C-alpha atoms as a PDB file:
ATOM      1  CA  MET A   1      -7.516 -12.670  14.386  1.00  0.00           C
ATOM      2  CA  ILE A   2      -4.617 -15.106  14.198  1.00  0.00           C
ATOM      3  CA  GLU A   3      -4.437 -17.837  11.582  1.00  0.00           C
ATOM      4  CA  LYS A   4      -1.934 -20.664  11.292  1.00  0.00           C
ATOM      5  CA  ILE A   5      -1.310 -22.230   7.902  1.00  0.00           C
ATOM      6  CA  ILE A   6      -0.445 -25.874   8.595  1.00  0.00           C
ATOM      7  CA  TYR A   7       0.530 -28.683   6.229  1.00  0.00           C
ATOM      8  CA  ASN A   8       1.286 -32.192   7.539  1.00  0.00           C
ATOM      9  CA  LYS A   9       1.626 -30.839  11.111  1.00  0.00           C
ATOM     10  CA  LEU A  10       4.218 -28.316   9.903  1.00  0.00           C
ATOM     11  CA  ILE A  11       3.455 -24.626  10.491  1.00  0.00           C
ATOM     12  CA  LEU A  12       4.164 -22.866   7.197  1.00  0.00           C
ATOM     13  CA  GLY A  13       2.959 -19.471   8.314  1.00  0.00           C
ATOM     14  CA  LEU A  14       1.205 -17.486  10.974  1.00  0.00           C
ATOM     15  CA  ILE A  15      -0.917 -14.464  10.019  1.00  0.00           C
ATOM     16  CA  LEU A  16      -1.685 -11.724  12.524  1.00  0.00           C
ATOM     17  CA  LYS A  17      -4.478  -9.598  11.055  1.00  0.00           C
ATOM     18  CA  ALA A  18      -4.374  -5.812  11.483  1.00  0.00           C
ATOM     19  CA  ASP A  19      -7.538  -5.839  13.620  1.00  0.00           C
ATOM     20  CA  PHE A  20      -6.070  -8.164  16.287  1.00  0.00           C
ATOM     21  CA  LYS A  21      -6.313  -6.549  19.700  1.00  0.00           C
ATOM     22  CA  GLN A  22      -5.819  -7.878  23.206  1.00  0.00           C
ATOM     23  CA  SER A  23      -4.520  -6.520  26.493  1.00  0.00           C
ATOM     24  CA  GLY A  24      -1.087  -7.438  27.794  1.00  0.00           C
ATOM     25  CA  ILE A  25       1.487  -9.474  25.961  1.00  0.00           C
ATOM     26  CA  GLN A  26       1.160 -12.611  23.874  1.00  0.00           C
ATOM     27  CA  PHE A  27       3.720 -14.591  21.930  1.00  0.00           C
ATOM     28  CA  PHE A  28       2.401 -16.684  19.051  1.00  0.00           C
ATOM     29  CA  THR A  29       5.543 -18.782  18.702  1.00  0.00           C
ATOM     30  CA  ASP A  30       7.055 -21.416  20.969  1.00  0.00           C
ATOM     31  CA  ASP A  31      10.126 -20.581  23.034  1.00  0.00           C
ATOM     32  CA  ASN A  32      12.211 -22.968  20.922  1.00  0.00           C
ATOM     33  CA  ASP A  33      11.255 -21.419  17.554  1.00  0.00           C
ATOM     34  CA  SER A  34      14.169 -19.638  15.886  1.00  0.00           C
ATOM     35  CA  GLN A  35      12.042 -16.601  14.972  1.00  0.00           C
ATOM     36  CA  GLN A  36       9.801 -15.161  17.669  1.00  0.00           C
ATOM     37  CA  LEU A  37       6.595 -13.220  17.023  1.00  0.00           C
ATOM     38  CA  GLY A  38       4.752 -11.464  19.806  1.00  0.00           C
ATOM     39  CA  TYR A  39       2.229  -8.714  20.404  1.00  0.00           C
ATOM     40  CA  MET A  40       2.077  -6.101  23.169  1.00  0.00           C
ATOM     41  CA  ASN A  41      -0.751  -3.760  24.122  1.00  0.00           C
ATOM     42  CA  ARG A  42       0.198  -1.671  27.139  1.00  0.00           C
ATOM     43  CA  PRO A  43      -1.518   1.318  28.773  1.00  0.00           C
ATOM     44  CA  VAL A  44      -0.052   4.808  28.950  1.00  0.00           C
ATOM     45  CA  GLY A  45       2.693   4.981  31.557  1.00  0.00           C
ATOM     46  CA  TYR A  46       3.519   1.270  31.359  1.00  0.00           C
ATOM     47  CA  GLU A  47       7.267   0.882  31.454  1.00  0.00           C
ATOM     48  CA  ILE A  48       9.539  -1.770  30.053  1.00  0.00           C
ATOM     49  CA  LYS A  49      12.687  -1.510  32.118  1.00  0.00           C
ATOM     50  CA  PRO A  50      15.895  -0.797  30.231  1.00  0.00           C
ATOM     51  CA  HIS A  51      17.701  -3.983  29.355  1.00  0.00           C
ATOM     52  CA  ARG A  52      20.230  -5.477  27.002  1.00  0.00           C
ATOM     53  CA  HIS A  53      20.497  -8.926  25.523  1.00  0.00           C
ATOM     54  CA  ASN A  54      23.295 -11.340  26.355  1.00  0.00           C
ATOM     55  CA  LEU A  55      25.507 -13.010  23.809  1.00  0.00           C
ATOM     56  CA  VAL A  56      24.019 -16.483  23.615  1.00  0.00           C
ATOM     57  CA  PRO A  57      25.200 -18.911  20.920  1.00  0.00           C
ATOM     58  CA  ARG A  58      22.312 -19.934  18.672  1.00  0.00           C
ATOM     59  CA  GLU A  59      22.244 -22.246  15.705  1.00  0.00           C
ATOM     60  CA  VAL A  60      19.853 -21.343  12.882  1.00  0.00           C
ATOM     61  CA  HIS A  61      19.212 -23.999  10.240  1.00  0.00           C
ATOM     62  CA  LEU A  62      16.279 -22.464   8.360  1.00  0.00           C
ATOM     63  CA  THR A  63      15.692 -18.818   7.508  1.00  0.00           C
ATOM     64  CA  GLN A  64      12.350 -17.581   8.771  1.00  0.00           C
ATOM     65  CA  GLU A  65      10.936 -14.166   8.028  1.00  0.00           C
ATOM     66  CA  VAL A  66       8.341 -11.760   9.317  1.00  0.00           C
ATOM     67  CA  LEU A  67       6.637  -9.424   6.857  1.00  0.00           C
ATOM     68  CA  PHE A  68       4.628  -6.348   7.817  1.00  0.00           C
ATOM     69  CA  VAL A  69       2.342  -4.979   5.093  1.00  0.00           C
ATOM     70  CA  LYS A  70       2.804  -1.238   5.557  1.00  0.00           C
ATOM     71  CA  SER A  71       0.408  -0.499   2.697  1.00  0.00           C
ATOM     72  CA  GLY A  72      -1.328  -2.291  -0.123  1.00  0.00           C
ATOM     73  CA  LYS A  73      -2.781  -5.715  -0.807  1.00  0.00           C
ATOM     74  CA  VAL A  74      -0.615  -8.817  -1.250  1.00  0.00           C
ATOM     75  CA  ARG A  75      -1.428 -12.419  -2.129  1.00  0.00           C
ATOM     76  CA  VAL A  76       0.757 -14.994  -0.378  1.00  0.00           C
ATOM     77  CA  ASP A  77       1.036 -18.390  -2.050  1.00  0.00           C
ATOM     78  CA  PHE A  78       2.081 -21.310   0.166  1.00  0.00           C
ATOM     79  CA  TYR A  79       4.060 -24.330  -1.056  1.00  0.00           C
ATOM     80  CA  ASN A  80       5.286 -27.454   0.712  1.00  0.00           C
ATOM     81  CA  ASN A  81       8.992 -28.340   0.858  1.00  0.00           C
ATOM     82  CA  GLU A  82       8.596 -30.324  -2.367  1.00  0.00           C
ATOM     83  CA  GLN A  83       7.662 -27.027  -4.099  1.00  0.00           C
ATOM     84  CA  GLU A  84       4.028 -28.116  -4.607  1.00  0.00           C
ATOM     85  CA  TYR A  85       1.442 -25.332  -4.403  1.00  0.00           C
ATOM     86  CA  LEU A  86      -1.010 -25.671  -1.498  1.00  0.00           C
ATOM     87  CA  GLU A  87      -3.140 -22.547  -0.999  1.00  0.00           C
ATOM     88  CA  SER A  88      -3.129 -18.741  -0.811  1.00  0.00           C
ATOM     89  CA  ARG A  89      -4.140 -15.909   1.502  1.00  0.00           C
ATOM     90  CA  ILE A  90      -4.630 -12.168   1.015  1.00  0.00           C
ATOM     91  CA  LEU A  91      -2.804  -9.730   3.282  1.00  0.00           C
ATOM     92  CA  PHE A  92      -3.935  -6.123   3.700  1.00  0.00           C
ATOM     93  CA  THR A  93      -2.418  -2.964   5.162  1.00  0.00           C
ATOM     94  CA  GLY A  94      -1.382  -3.605   8.763  1.00  0.00           C
ATOM     95  CA  ASP A  95      -1.293  -7.411   8.517  1.00  0.00           C
ATOM     96  CA  VAL A  96       1.788  -9.289   9.714  1.00  0.00           C
ATOM     97  CA  ILE A  97       2.905 -12.748   8.619  1.00  0.00           C
ATOM     98  CA  LEU A  98       5.583 -15.061  10.007  1.00  0.00           C
ATOM     99  CA  LEU A  99       6.819 -17.493   7.356  1.00  0.00           C
ATOM    100  CA  SER A 100       8.377 -20.378   9.220  1.00  0.00           C
ATOM    101  CA  ASP A 101       8.642 -23.354   6.840  1.00  0.00           C
ATOM    102  CA  GLY A 102       7.833 -24.585   3.352  1.00  0.00           C
ATOM    103  CA  GLY A 103       7.907 -22.315   0.326  1.00  0.00           C
ATOM    104  CA  HIS A 104       6.129 -19.079  -0.419  1.00  0.00           C
ATOM    105  CA  GLY A 105       5.609 -16.574  -3.196  1.00  0.00           C
ATOM    106  CA  PHE A 106       3.922 -13.199  -3.404  1.00  0.00           C
ATOM    107  CA  LYS A 107       1.823 -11.283  -5.892  1.00  0.00           C
ATOM    108  CA  MET A 108       1.130  -7.593  -5.351  1.00  0.00           C
ATOM    109  CA  LEU A 109      -2.579  -6.990  -5.949  1.00  0.00           C
ATOM    110  CA  GLU A 110      -2.130  -3.254  -5.320  1.00  0.00           C
ATOM    111  CA  PRO A 111       0.957  -1.070  -5.034  1.00  0.00           C
ATOM    112  CA  SER A 112       2.386  -2.359  -1.741  1.00  0.00           C
ATOM    113  CA  GLU A 113       5.008  -1.516   0.848  1.00  0.00           C
ATOM    114  CA  ILE A 114       6.339  -4.429   2.895  1.00  0.00           C
ATOM    115  CA  ILE A 115       8.784  -4.423   5.780  1.00  0.00           C
ATOM    116  CA  GLU A 116      10.758  -7.678   6.145  1.00  0.00           C
ATOM    117  CA  VAL A 117      12.619  -8.977   9.200  1.00  0.00           C
ATOM    118  CA  LYS A 118      14.622 -12.201   9.096  1.00  0.00           C
ATOM    119  CA  GLN A 119      17.656 -13.827  10.647  1.00  0.00           C
ATOM    120  CA  GLY A 120      21.082 -13.055   9.320  1.00  0.00           C
ATOM    121  CA  PRO A 121      23.632 -13.174   8.036  1.00  0.00           C
ATOM    122  CA  TYR A 122      22.208 -13.379   4.506  1.00  0.00           C
ATOM    123  CA  CYS A 123      23.965 -16.083   2.489  1.00  0.00           C
ATOM    124  CA  GLY A 124      22.980 -14.881  -0.995  1.00  0.00           C
ATOM    125  CA  GLU A 125      21.749 -17.509  -3.437  1.00  0.00           C
ATOM    126  CA  MET A 126      22.826 -20.290  -1.013  1.00  0.00           C
ATOM    127  CA  ASP A 127      19.986 -19.051   1.198  1.00  0.00           C
ATOM    128  CA  LYS A 128      17.077 -20.142  -1.046  1.00  0.00           C
ATOM    129  CA  VAL A 129      15.836 -22.287  -3.914  1.00  0.00           C
ATOM    130  CA  ARG A 130      13.775 -20.444  -6.528  1.00  0.00           C
ATOM    131  CA  PHE A 131      11.036 -22.230  -8.469  1.00  0.00           C
ATOM    132  CA  GLU A 132       8.086 -21.486 -10.757  1.00  0.00           C
ATOM    133  CA  SER A 133       4.961 -19.747  -9.453  1.00  0.00           C
ATOM    134  CA  VAL A 134       1.618 -21.483  -9.435  1.00  0.00           C
ATOM    135  CA  ASP A 135      -0.571 -20.987 -12.511  1.00  0.00           C
ATOM    136  CA  GLU A 136      -3.078 -18.197 -11.776  1.00  0.00           C
ATOM    137  CA  LYS A 137      -5.952 -20.556 -12.770  1.00  0.00           C
ATOM    138  CA  LEU A 138      -5.004 -22.874  -9.867  1.00  0.00           C
ATOM    139  CA  ILE A 139      -5.065 -20.257  -7.082  1.00  0.00           C
ATOM    140  CA  ASN A 140      -6.937 -21.573  -4.035  1.00  0.00           C
ATOM    141  CA  LEU A 141      -7.816 -18.621  -1.771  1.00  0.00           C
ATOM    142  CA  LYS A 142      -8.843 -19.446   1.779  1.00  0.00           C
END
């Protein structure tokens, strides 16, 4: 299953559940998105020809990240760009999420391992604005 979290026509996140399965290749992002997320399911013997990537100038204005839940159970809280809480989702072992806009926070509901991929270079504290988490009594799980 694939789920898009959308607020005011803005995609805040895209969740690829661990049980997603399909033949071939599928990209869930548009060609013009600065972070690309795709899925491949190829049969034994299928070959991807050796290749390298060209140096192509790119301009990145917003850090986007992909998280892979290697183990555990994680709650993701979504916020708009005004830092207002919107809703939450639960991620389980094997789930993948692309966080593309808005704000987000996490609460580990079990001991969890997460692998993160994002654009670089990392600009330290210039890279993000930190703000208060939503009150636990206001959590809206969907």
